[in-house]
Structure formats: structure tokens, C-alpha cells
Amino acid sequence: MNRSALQGASATVALLVGGLGLGSPAWAATGSDTETIQRVRQHVQMLKENRPPAKAVRKSATAKSALRLAAYSPDELAAEQAAEALEEMAEPTIVEVPVEMETDMDPAPDMAEAVPEPAPVPPPPPIAQAEPAPPPAPKAEEKQVVTASAEVPPQQEMPGVLTRRGTLVIEPSIEYAHTDVNQFSFGGVAILDTVLVGAIEANQANRDAVTATLGLRYGITNRMEGELRFPYMYRSDSSTNTFVNQSNTAQRTDLSDHGLGDIEGALHYQLNDGMEKWPIMVANLRVKSTTGTGPYDVSRNNLGIEQELATGSGFWGVEPSLTFIAPSDPAVFYANLGYLWNAQSDINKQIGNRTVNSVDPGDAVRMGVGMGLALNEKVSFTIGYQHDWIMKSKTKFADGEVSSSSLSVGSMTFGVNWQMSDTTALNVSVGVGVTNDSPDVRLMARVPIALNLF
């Protein structure tokens, strides 16, 4: 595969590894990051190309320990022992030291008589005939071993599946969601099966939302990246509310609103390289703020019906998750498992004819699976499924406490990514709800742009 094209692929694992994404659509976790396929394939290929020889890693930097570790056969062990013996034989060759000492010391009568005797001098020639040539040969090998081991450290700079160190990815995106709602509610506060709170209302609504988001991802290291998301939402709701009473009063409401959504931050860390048949594992932690207008912050009429539209959830959320990525060229399989914790919030407001003291929104267990397929160097395709099990929410009123029903949200996702240049890609995704609690359809377009800061 063309390496320049692969290097231009944006490391958009932020949504993929971040699971569902707090405040993000359910399908975004699996269908919106097809360029991740190119990043994973590049990571696996570079691991294969840059893996150092096994012997070079095992051998030590010192010559003696290198020779010992290299002795895998009896012959090599014998060669090592011979080399050490030759080194010991070479040490006694310095025999001329006593002669030098004589020249430095004051002359004495008996020492002067010992100088003319050349008898001890002949031994050096036999030692020279022993030819200490073999020792240099192992030393040459030792230098080569040290050189091989010195080449190992650059492997630490090998990039992973996340954004490379020092790279900033600017990712503008736009999303459209449409939902048809046909349900019963009571006083606009809660949907209950057995407890009626306030006025009974039959609601039929068409809801459309357009969200423009500026995403920023930065590679802190080759294994860790940080992420920030700044959403701005426009909503338009058209609903018909029929109040079940003697006259069956009907009220039609058309509302539209816009404003800042809930800002999100996340950290992603790659736990392993995915070698030896292990999948690549990425740990994620995502936090959602309450910068948007929450559902209990909008104005309502005396029946508790909204007169404005919310642009945020109104509750802090924390989502830890773990992503598994298994490349099998040309496909990449992935799975995500996470848990969303929503913090309880004090409301203390009059909603309809009741006072809401506090709300504990239900937590959620999130699971997603999917597959990505690279069609060629520039185009890849993904298909996936995302499912959320949302637990019951608890609302405390001044005169009691009620719990809502749990929800099951599932959607199929499809995505296509086109690598327009070495630094820019276009990603288009579509999600279709497969359960009653899911949005009917979601569309998203993203353009990640990579900038190498250093």
C-alpha cells in the first residue's frame, strides 16, 4: 500500500475508541471512522518492517556477555573458551618492564652486572609465534553485536493507531438527525406505565436537529491522545399534544432553537502493539459537561410543556470504555464496551403542578461491534451495530419519588471514507434505528485535517 497515502490517513480513533461518545449519536462510535482502517493497517505493517532481529535484542552491549549469550551450540561455546584462553596467553607478553625499570633506577654494582645477561630476552619470540591473531576476530564480532543492539531504541518512536505525537487533527463535522415520536406522557414530566403525574397527554412530534461540531485531537505521545469537542446545535420540533379530558383538547406547537451544546473532553491510550495474535487494545475516558441548555432549564407553560428546546442533557457524564481492534488484512474488526455514569442533579423547580426536587438520570451500558474494509489506497467502508441499555431514571418530587422505564437503543451504521490528500479525508456515515427508542435516521459528514506541529 502507498505509504504516503497511509500517512495522510487521519487517526480518527477518537470516536471509535471512545465508544458511543457522551452526547454523541449511537452510530458515531462504529460508523464514522473508516479512516481508522488505514491507520491500523499502517501500524501493523510498520511493526513488521521495524521489528529488530531476535538475536540482536537478546545480546548484551558488552563483548563478554554478548559472546556468552550467543553460545547456542557446543562449537560456539568452545570458540568462546578458546578466545578467553588466548586473551590470558596474551597478557604475559609484557616482559620488557624490568628493563625499563633499570633505566629509571640509580645504577648499582650488582644490578649493572645483571643487565648484560640477555638470557631472559629470548622468550618473547615464541610468544609472538603463538600468533594472537584469533583474539581480534571475536572482538570484531563483539563490535558488530554492539552496533546491532544500538539500533534497537528507534523502535520506541514507532507510531500506533492513535494520533502521532506532535500532530494536531482539526475535525469539523455536521450531523443531521430526524425522529418521529408517538407516545403518551403525563404533565410533560415523565412517561410512566402505572403512575399518572399531572395531565395525560398524547404526543405526536417530528423532531429535526442539526449539530455542527469542531473537534480537536492532539497526539501527546505515540500511544496517547487528547480530544476536545465543541458542538453547536439547531433544533426544530413540530408537535401535536392531545390532552385526555372531557373535551380532548388538542394543542399544536412549533418550536425552534439553537445554542451551544455540551462540550466534551476525552483521553485515549493504546495499551499494546497487537502482536503475537493479540488484538490492539485502547483504553478511553470521556467526560461530558453541562454547557448546553438542559431540559429543566427551558421555560414551560402551566401544564409543564416546553416553550423552548434544550441543546444539552443537563447532567455531567463520565464514560470509561475499552476498544478492541483486530486487523485481518484487508479487513479490520473492532468492538467496544463501555459504561456511562450520569451524575445526579438538584432541580428544585415547579414542573406543571408538581415540584421536582432532584433527578438521577439512568446510567447506560454500551456495546458496539463492526468491521471495516479497505477497498483500495484511498477508499474504505465500514458496517457496524451499536446498542445501549439505558437504566431507569429516578425523579424525586416534593411529595414522592417515581422511576421511568428503561430504554433499549440500537442502530445499524454504514460509513465510507475517502482519503483526499496526505493530510485530509472525507468521511460520510448514515445510521438507521432498529429499536423503538432509537432515532429514525442520522447523517454525518466529517473532514479531518492533520497538521504536524513538530
Protein backbone atom coordinates (compact mmCIF):
# COMPACT_ATOMS: atom_id res chain seq x y z
CA MET A 1 0.00 0.00 0.00
CA ASN A 2 1.20 3.52 -0.78
CA ARG A 3 2.84 4.71 2.43
CA SER A 4 2.27 8.41 1.70
CA ALA A 5 -1.44 7.77 1.36
CA LEU A 6 -1.45 5.84 4.61
CA GLN A 7 0.42 8.59 6.44
CA GLY A 8 -2.22 11.06 5.35
CA ALA A 9 -4.98 8.99 6.93
CA SER A 10 -6.28 10.82 9.97
CA ALA A 11 -6.03 8.82 13.18
CA THR A 12 -9.70 9.22 13.94
CA VAL A 13 -9.88 6.65 16.66
CA ALA A 14 -11.34 9.24 19.00
CA LEU A 15 -14.95 8.35 18.28
CA LEU A 16 -14.24 4.71 17.51
CA VAL A 17 -12.27 4.05 20.67
CA GLY A 18 -14.36 6.42 22.72
CA GLY A 19 -17.36 4.17 22.40
CA LEU A 20 -20.67 5.86 21.87
CA GLY A 21 -19.43 9.27 22.89
CA LEU A 22 -21.27 11.23 25.54
CA GLY A 23 -23.95 13.30 23.94
CA SER A 24 -23.00 11.87 20.56
CA PRO A 25 -25.23 9.68 18.39
CA ALA A 26 -25.14 5.97 19.00
CA TRP A 27 -23.92 5.19 15.50
CA ALA A 28 -20.97 7.56 15.64
CA ALA A 29 -18.92 5.05 17.60
CA THR A 30 -18.82 2.48 14.84
CA GLY A 31 -19.61 4.06 11.51
CA SER A 32 -17.87 7.41 11.43
CA ASP A 33 -14.21 6.39 11.49
CA THR A 34 -13.43 4.38 8.40
CA GLU A 35 -10.03 6.08 8.03
CA THR A 36 -9.05 4.16 11.18
CA ILE A 37 -8.74 1.10 8.94
CA GLN A 38 -5.86 2.71 7.07
CA ARG A 39 -4.20 3.74 10.34
CA VAL A 40 -4.41 0.19 11.78
CA ARG A 41 -3.04 -1.39 8.59
CA GLN A 42 -0.17 1.09 8.58
CA HIS A 43 0.58 0.31 12.23
CA VAL A 44 0.73 -3.45 11.63
CA GLN A 45 2.90 -3.04 8.52
CA MET A 46 5.40 -0.81 10.31
CA LEU A 47 5.63 -3.28 13.18
CA LYS A 48 6.57 -6.00 10.71
CA GLU A 49 9.13 -3.82 8.90
CA ASN A 50 10.81 -2.40 12.00
CA ARG A 51 10.92 -5.47 14.25
CA PRO A 52 14.61 -5.97 15.25
CA PRO A 53 16.31 -9.37 14.87
CA ALA A 54 15.71 -11.65 17.83
CA LYS A 55 19.43 -12.24 18.49
CA ALA A 56 20.20 -8.51 18.43
CA VAL A 57 17.69 -7.92 21.19
CA ARG A 58 18.91 -10.77 23.33
CA LYS A 59 22.59 -9.89 23.07
CA SER A 60 24.15 -7.56 25.59
CA ALA A 61 26.12 -4.40 24.84
CA THR A 62 29.30 -5.72 26.45
CA ALA A 63 31.50 -8.01 24.42
CA LYS A 64 31.89 -10.71 27.04
CA SER A 65 28.19 -11.13 27.83
CA ALA A 66 27.38 -10.94 24.12
CA LEU A 67 29.63 -13.90 23.39
CA ARG A 68 28.09 -15.87 26.22
CA LEU A 69 24.55 -15.20 25.11
CA ALA A 70 25.49 -16.07 21.54
CA ALA A 71 26.82 -19.51 22.52
CA TYR A 72 23.80 -21.56 21.41
CA SER A 73 25.88 -24.62 20.32
CA PRO A 74 28.82 -26.56 21.83
CA ASP A 75 31.06 -25.39 18.97
CA GLU A 76 30.41 -21.75 19.72
CA LEU A 77 30.99 -22.37 23.42
CA ALA A 78 34.34 -23.96 22.63
CA ALA A 79 35.22 -20.97 20.48
CA GLU A 80 34.43 -18.65 23.36
CA GLN A 81 36.59 -20.64 25.77
CA ALA A 82 39.44 -20.62 23.25
CA ALA A 83 39.15 -16.86 22.86
CA GLU A 84 39.37 -16.35 26.63
CA ALA A 85 42.44 -18.65 26.79
CA LEU A 86 44.13 -16.68 24.04
CA GLU A 87 43.46 -13.45 25.92
CA GLU A 88 45.08 -14.93 29.03
CA MET A 89 48.09 -16.06 26.97
CA ALA A 90 48.43 -12.61 25.50
CA GLU A 91 48.68 -10.90 28.90
CA PRO A 92 52.26 -12.19 29.83
CA THR A 93 53.76 -10.70 26.63
CA ILE A 94 54.81 -7.58 28.56
CA VAL A 95 58.22 -8.82 29.66
CA GLU A 96 60.35 -5.74 28.96
CA VAL A 97 59.10 -3.88 32.05
CA PRO A 98 62.10 -4.90 34.24
CA VAL A 99 64.46 -3.49 31.59
CA GLU A 100 62.65 -0.12 31.64
CA MET A 101 62.78 -0.05 35.44
CA GLU A 102 66.58 -0.48 35.30
CA THR A 103 66.98 2.68 33.25
CA ASP A 104 64.90 4.70 35.73
CA MET A 105 66.66 3.50 38.88
CA ASP A 106 70.07 4.59 40.16
CA PRO A 107 72.87 2.29 38.97
CA ALA A 108 74.15 -0.26 41.49
CA PRO A 109 77.13 -2.55 41.18
CA ASP A 110 75.23 -5.82 41.31
CA MET A 111 72.38 -4.57 39.03
CA ALA A 112 74.86 -3.38 36.45
CA GLU A 113 76.21 -6.90 36.31
CA ALA A 114 72.69 -8.30 35.75
CA VAL A 115 71.99 -6.06 32.76
CA PRO A 116 74.32 -7.70 30.21
CA GLU A 117 72.67 -11.08 30.69
CA PRO A 118 70.39 -11.48 27.64
CA ALA A 119 69.12 -14.88 28.79
CA PRO A 120 65.56 -13.82 29.71
CA VAL A 121 65.07 -11.93 26.46
CA PRO A 122 64.57 -14.88 24.03
CA PRO A 123 61.13 -15.95 25.42
CA PRO A 124 59.24 -13.17 23.59
CA PRO A 125 59.77 -14.67 20.12
CA PRO A 126 57.98 -17.93 20.98
CA ILE A 127 55.06 -15.93 22.31
CA ALA A 128 54.98 -13.93 19.08
CA GLN A 129 54.90 -17.23 17.17
CA ALA A 130 51.72 -18.15 19.06
CA GLU A 131 50.09 -15.51 16.84
CA PRO A 132 47.46 -13.83 18.99
CA ALA A 133 45.54 -13.19 15.76
CA PRO A 134 42.41 -15.13 16.88
CA PRO A 135 41.52 -12.62 19.64
CA PRO A 136 40.86 -9.75 17.21
CA ALA A 137 38.30 -11.90 15.37
CA PRO A 138 35.91 -12.23 18.36
CA LYS A 139 36.43 -8.55 19.12
CA ALA A 140 35.26 -7.70 15.61
CA GLU A 141 32.12 -9.75 16.22
CA GLU A 142 31.66 -8.02 19.53
CA LYS A 143 31.69 -4.64 17.83
CA GLN A 144 29.07 -5.80 15.38
CA VAL A 145 26.89 -7.05 18.23
CA VAL A 146 27.11 -3.70 19.99
CA THR A 147 26.17 -1.94 16.76
CA ALA A 148 23.13 -4.19 16.30
CA SER A 149 21.94 -3.62 19.85
CA ALA A 150 22.41 0.13 19.47
CA GLU A 151 19.87 0.16 16.63
CA VAL A 152 17.02 -1.08 18.87
CA PRO A 153 15.99 2.20 20.62
CA PRO A 154 14.50 3.89 17.49
CA GLN A 155 11.70 1.30 17.68
CA GLN A 156 10.23 3.31 20.57
CA GLU A 157 9.27 6.08 18.13
CA MET A 158 7.02 3.78 16.11
CA PRO A 159 3.51 5.28 15.82
CA GLY A 160 0.41 3.40 16.92
CA VAL A 161 -3.24 3.57 15.86
CA LEU A 162 -3.84 6.90 17.63
CA THR A 163 -2.79 10.37 16.53
CA ARG A 164 1.02 10.64 16.22
CA ARG A 165 2.97 12.61 18.80
CA GLY A 166 3.05 16.30 17.93
CA THR A 167 0.20 16.05 15.39
CA LEU A 168 -2.94 18.17 15.70
CA VAL A 169 -6.08 16.98 13.91
CA ILE A 170 -8.77 19.60 13.27
CA GLU A 171 -12.06 17.88 12.53
CA PRO A 172 -15.11 19.96 11.54
CA SER A 173 -18.29 17.90 11.20
CA ILE A 174 -22.00 18.35 10.63
CA GLU A 175 -24.77 15.96 11.66
CA TYR A 176 -28.47 15.73 10.89
CA ALA A 177 -30.93 13.65 12.93
CA HIS A 178 -34.65 13.03 12.39
CA THR A 179 -37.05 11.41 14.84
CA ASP A 180 -40.80 10.68 14.69
CA VAL A 181 -42.33 10.40 18.16
CA ASN A 182 -45.71 8.90 19.00
CA GLN A 183 -46.14 8.45 22.73
CA PHE A 184 -48.13 9.19 25.85
CA SER A 185 -46.75 11.46 28.54
CA PHE A 186 -48.07 12.86 31.75
CA GLY A 187 -47.68 16.52 32.54
CA GLY A 188 -44.59 16.72 30.35
CA VAL A 189 -42.51 15.34 33.24
CA ALA A 190 -42.24 11.57 32.91
CA ILE A 191 -43.56 8.62 30.94
CA LEU A 192 -44.98 6.07 33.36
CA ASP A 193 -46.94 2.85 32.95
CA THR A 194 -48.88 2.88 36.22
CA VAL A 195 -48.44 6.29 37.85
CA LEU A 196 -50.05 9.36 36.26
CA VAL A 197 -48.28 12.63 37.07
CA GLY A 198 -50.19 15.74 36.01
CA ALA A 199 -52.20 15.96 32.80
CA ILE A 200 -52.40 12.98 30.45
CA GLU A 201 -51.03 13.89 27.02
CA ALA A 202 -50.90 12.11 23.66
CA ASN A 203 -47.89 13.45 21.78
CA GLN A 204 -47.07 13.20 18.09
CA ALA A 205 -43.92 15.04 17.08
CA ASN A 206 -41.45 15.39 14.27
CA ARG A 207 -38.05 16.41 15.55
CA ASP A 208 -35.10 17.57 13.45
CA ALA A 209 -31.69 18.54 14.78
CA VAL A 210 -28.58 19.82 13.02
CA THR A 211 -25.33 19.84 15.01
CA ALA A 212 -22.10 21.46 13.83
CA THR A 213 -19.07 20.32 15.83
CA LEU A 214 -15.46 21.40 15.93
CA GLY A 215 -13.29 18.51 17.09
CA LEU A 216 -9.63 18.80 18.11
CA ARG A 217 -7.31 15.83 18.67
CA TYR A 218 -3.67 16.06 19.67
CA GLY A 219 -1.05 13.32 19.90
CA ILE A 220 0.52 13.65 23.36
CA THR A 221 2.68 10.57 22.72
CA ASN A 222 2.55 7.87 20.06
CA ARG A 223 0.29 5.90 22.41
CA MET A 224 -1.83 8.66 23.95
CA GLU A 225 -4.02 11.37 22.50
CA GLY A 226 -6.31 14.05 23.93
CA GLU A 227 -9.58 15.21 22.41
CA LEU A 228 -11.98 18.16 22.73
CA ARG A 229 -15.37 18.60 21.05
CA PHE A 230 -17.32 21.87 20.78
CA PRO A 231 -20.88 21.30 19.44
CA TYR A 232 -23.39 23.93 18.34
CA MET A 233 -26.97 22.71 17.84
CA TYR A 234 -30.01 23.89 15.91
CA ARG A 235 -33.34 22.16 16.73
CA SER A 236 -36.77 22.33 15.16
CA ASP A 237 -39.74 20.47 16.71
CA SER A 238 -43.28 20.26 15.44
CA SER A 239 -45.66 18.51 17.84
CA THR A 240 -49.38 17.98 18.41
CA ASN A 241 -50.41 17.41 22.03
CA THR A 242 -53.85 15.99 22.79
CA PHE A 243 -54.89 16.20 26.45
CA VAL A 244 -57.09 13.33 27.52
CA ASN A 245 -60.04 15.03 29.29
CA GLN A 246 -63.71 15.63 28.69
CA SER A 247 -63.11 17.87 25.70
CA ASN A 248 -59.91 16.14 24.41
CA THR A 249 -58.14 19.47 23.95
CA ALA A 250 -55.50 19.49 21.22
CA GLN A 251 -52.59 21.90 21.05
CA ARG A 252 -50.08 22.22 18.23
CA THR A 253 -46.64 23.60 18.96
CA ASP A 254 -43.89 24.60 16.56
CA LEU A 255 -40.60 25.40 18.23
CA SER A 256 -37.08 26.07 17.03
CA ASP A 257 -33.99 26.95 19.00
CA HIS A 258 -30.21 26.93 18.76
CA GLY A 259 -27.25 27.25 21.06
CA LEU A 260 -24.05 25.75 22.39
CA GLY A 261 -24.21 22.06 23.19
CA ASP A 262 -22.36 20.05 25.85
CA ILE A 263 -18.58 20.35 25.45
CA GLU A 264 -16.77 17.01 25.76
CA GLY A 265 -13.20 16.01 26.56
CA ALA A 266 -11.52 12.60 26.24
CA LEU A 267 -8.24 10.74 26.66
CA HIS A 268 -7.31 7.63 24.67
CA TYR A 269 -4.35 5.34 25.47
CA GLN A 270 -3.12 2.39 23.39
CA LEU A 271 -2.30 -0.45 25.78
CA ASN A 272 -0.38 -2.82 23.46
CA ASP A 273 1.05 -3.22 19.94
CA GLY A 274 -1.30 -6.01 18.88
CA MET A 275 1.46 -8.51 18.16
CA GLU A 276 1.50 -12.28 18.80
CA LYS A 277 -2.15 -12.70 17.78
CA TRP A 278 -3.40 -10.22 20.40
CA PRO A 279 -5.90 -7.53 19.33
CA ILE A 280 -4.90 -3.90 19.72
CA MET A 281 -6.48 -2.58 22.94
CA VAL A 282 -7.23 1.08 23.59
CA ALA A 283 -8.48 2.45 26.93
CA ASN A 284 -10.73 5.51 26.80
CA LEU A 285 -12.12 8.03 29.26
CA ARG A 286 -14.70 10.58 28.10
CA VAL A 287 -16.26 13.39 30.16
CA LYS A 288 -19.31 15.45 29.15
CA SER A 289 -20.03 18.88 30.65
CA THR A 290 -23.31 20.79 31.05
CA THR A 291 -22.53 23.84 28.89
CA GLY A 292 -25.71 23.34 26.83
CA THR A 293 -29.22 24.29 27.90
CA GLY A 294 -30.70 21.35 29.80
CA PRO A 295 -34.32 20.10 29.61
CA TYR A 296 -35.03 21.54 33.08
CA ASP A 297 -33.55 24.94 32.17
CA VAL A 298 -36.09 25.79 29.45
CA SER A 299 -39.33 27.67 30.08
CA ARG A 300 -42.60 25.71 30.28
CA ASN A 301 -46.31 26.52 30.44
CA ASN A 302 -48.63 25.75 33.33
CA LEU A 303 -49.05 22.17 32.09
CA GLY A 304 -45.30 21.56 32.05
CA ILE A 305 -44.97 21.61 28.25
CA GLU A 306 -41.72 23.05 26.92
CA GLN A 307 -41.80 26.51 25.38
CA GLU A 308 -38.12 26.30 24.43
CA LEU A 309 -35.88 23.49 23.25
CA ALA A 310 -32.91 22.05 25.10
CA THR A 311 -29.47 21.90 23.43
CA GLY A 312 -27.80 19.76 26.12
CA SER A 313 -28.51 16.90 28.51
CA GLY A 314 -28.27 18.99 31.69
CA PHE A 315 -26.21 16.35 33.54
CA TRP A 316 -22.49 15.66 33.90
CA GLY A 317 -21.42 12.32 32.45
CA VAL A 318 -18.30 10.13 32.67
CA GLU A 319 -17.73 7.19 30.34
CA PRO A 320 -14.82 4.74 30.66
CA SER A 321 -14.58 2.21 27.84
CA LEU A 322 -12.26 -0.32 26.22
CA THR A 323 -11.85 -0.83 22.48
CA PHE A 324 -10.51 -3.96 20.76
CA ILE A 325 -9.14 -3.72 17.20
CA ALA A 326 -8.20 -6.90 15.31
CA PRO A 327 -6.65 -6.35 11.84
CA SER A 328 -7.01 -9.09 9.27
CA ASP A 329 -5.88 -7.52 6.03
CA PRO A 330 -7.72 -6.11 4.15
CA ALA A 331 -10.37 -6.01 6.91
CA VAL A 332 -10.29 -4.59 10.43
CA PHE A 333 -12.67 -5.93 13.10
CA TYR A 334 -13.43 -3.88 16.18
CA ALA A 335 -15.54 -3.99 19.34
CA ASN A 336 -16.21 -1.50 22.11
CA LEU A 337 -17.55 -1.96 25.63
CA GLY A 338 -18.25 0.98 27.93
CA TYR A 339 -20.27 2.24 30.88
CA LEU A 340 -21.82 5.71 31.04
CA TRP A 341 -22.33 7.20 34.50
CA ASN A 342 -24.64 10.22 34.75
CA ALA A 343 -24.40 12.40 37.85
CA GLN A 344 -27.49 13.23 39.89
CA SER A 345 -28.58 16.88 39.80
CA ASP A 346 -30.75 19.06 42.04
CA ILE A 347 -33.61 20.70 40.10
CA ASN A 348 -35.89 22.38 42.67
CA LYS A 349 -38.34 23.71 40.07
CA GLN A 350 -42.07 23.69 39.51
CA ILE A 351 -42.95 21.49 36.52
CA GLY A 352 -46.68 21.54 35.78
CA ASN A 353 -48.50 21.05 39.07
CA ARG A 354 -45.60 19.33 40.88
CA THR A 355 -42.24 20.40 42.28
CA VAL A 356 -39.21 18.45 41.06
CA ASN A 357 -36.51 18.30 43.74
CA SER A 358 -33.83 16.19 42.03
CA VAL A 359 -33.29 13.86 39.09
CA ASP A 360 -30.92 10.89 38.88
CA PRO A 361 -30.68 10.03 35.17
CA GLY A 362 -30.20 6.40 34.31
CA ASP A 363 -26.72 5.08 33.61
CA ALA A 364 -26.07 3.11 30.43
CA VAL A 365 -24.14 0.03 29.33
CA ARG A 366 -22.83 0.44 25.79
CA MET A 367 -21.64 -2.15 23.31
CA GLY A 368 -20.61 -1.84 19.68
CA VAL A 369 -19.18 -4.22 17.07
CA GLY A 370 -18.28 -3.77 13.45
CA MET A 371 -15.97 -4.37 10.54
CA GLY A 372 -14.03 -2.05 8.25
CA LEU A 373 -12.84 -2.97 4.78
CA ALA A 374 -10.22 -1.12 2.73
CA LEU A 375 -11.32 -1.14 -0.91
CA ASN A 376 -8.10 0.49 -2.16
CA GLU A 377 -5.48 3.03 -1.06
CA LYS A 378 -7.97 5.88 -0.78
CA VAL A 379 -11.40 4.35 -0.09
CA SER A 380 -12.61 2.24 2.83
CA PHE A 381 -16.02 1.08 4.02
CA THR A 382 -17.42 0.19 7.45
CA ILE A 383 -20.50 -1.50 8.81
CA GLY A 384 -21.37 -1.83 12.48
CA TYR A 385 -24.00 -2.16 15.16
CA GLN A 386 -24.30 -0.12 18.37
CA HIS A 387 -26.59 -0.93 21.30
CA ASP A 388 -27.23 0.92 24.57
CA TRP A 389 -29.10 -0.34 27.60
CA ILE A 390 -30.25 2.76 29.48
CA MET A 391 -31.32 2.15 33.06
CA LYS A 392 -34.28 3.72 34.83
CA SER A 393 -34.19 7.40 35.80
CA LYS A 394 -35.36 8.41 39.26
CA THR A 395 -37.20 11.71 39.85
CA LYS A 396 -37.83 12.99 43.36
CA PHE A 397 -40.84 15.25 43.81
CA ALA A 398 -41.83 17.17 46.88
CA ASP A 399 -44.47 14.52 47.64
CA GLY A 400 -42.82 11.33 46.42
CA GLU A 401 -40.47 9.58 44.00
CA VAL A 402 -41.08 7.92 40.64
CA SER A 403 -38.95 5.95 38.20
CA SER A 404 -39.13 5.96 34.44
CA SER A 405 -38.93 2.94 32.16
CA SER A 406 -35.59 1.62 30.95
CA LEU A 407 -34.68 2.11 27.31
CA SER A 408 -33.07 -0.06 24.66
CA VAL A 409 -31.42 1.91 21.86
CA GLY A 410 -29.96 0.04 18.89
CA SER A 411 -28.85 1.22 15.45
CA MET A 412 -27.06 -0.05 12.36
CA THR A 413 -24.36 2.13 10.86
CA PHE A 414 -22.70 2.39 7.46
CA GLY A 415 -19.75 4.61 6.58
CA VAL A 416 -17.44 5.45 3.67
CA ASN A 417 -14.11 7.25 3.88
CA TRP A 418 -12.22 8.91 1.03
CA GLN A 419 -8.60 9.97 1.50
CA MET A 420 -8.49 13.21 -0.48
CA SER A 421 -4.82 14.01 0.21
CA ASP A 422 -1.97 13.07 2.53
CA THR A 423 -3.45 15.22 5.31
CA THR A 424 -7.18 15.46 4.56
CA ALA A 425 -10.00 12.92 4.39
CA LEU A 426 -13.78 12.97 3.90
CA ASN A 427 -15.97 10.65 5.95
CA VAL A 428 -19.71 10.16 5.39
CA SER A 429 -21.87 7.97 7.64
CA VAL A 430 -25.52 7.01 7.97
CA GLY A 431 -27.24 5.39 10.95
CA VAL A 432 -30.64 3.69 10.98
CA GLY A 433 -32.52 2.97 14.20
CA VAL A 434 -33.61 -0.64 14.71
CA THR A 435 -35.44 -0.23 18.06
CA ASN A 436 -38.41 1.95 19.04
CA ASP A 437 -36.27 4.12 21.31
CA SER A 438 -33.70 4.94 18.62
CA PRO A 439 -33.66 7.98 16.30
CA ASP A 440 -35.03 7.08 12.88
CA VAL A 441 -32.05 8.27 10.85
CA ARG A 442 -28.78 10.12 11.36
CA LEU A 443 -26.40 11.51 8.75
CA MET A 444 -22.90 12.81 9.40
CA ALA A 445 -20.08 14.28 7.30
CA ARG A 446 -16.61 14.91 8.74
CA VAL A 447 -13.39 16.34 7.28
CA PRO A 448 -10.36 15.56 9.49
CA ILE A 449 -7.30 17.68 8.67
CA ALA A 450 -3.90 16.67 10.14
CA LEU A 451 -1.25 19.29 10.97
CA ASN A 452 2.26 18.26 12.04
CA LEU A 453 3.25 20.82 14.69
CA PHE A 454 6.70 19.26 15.30
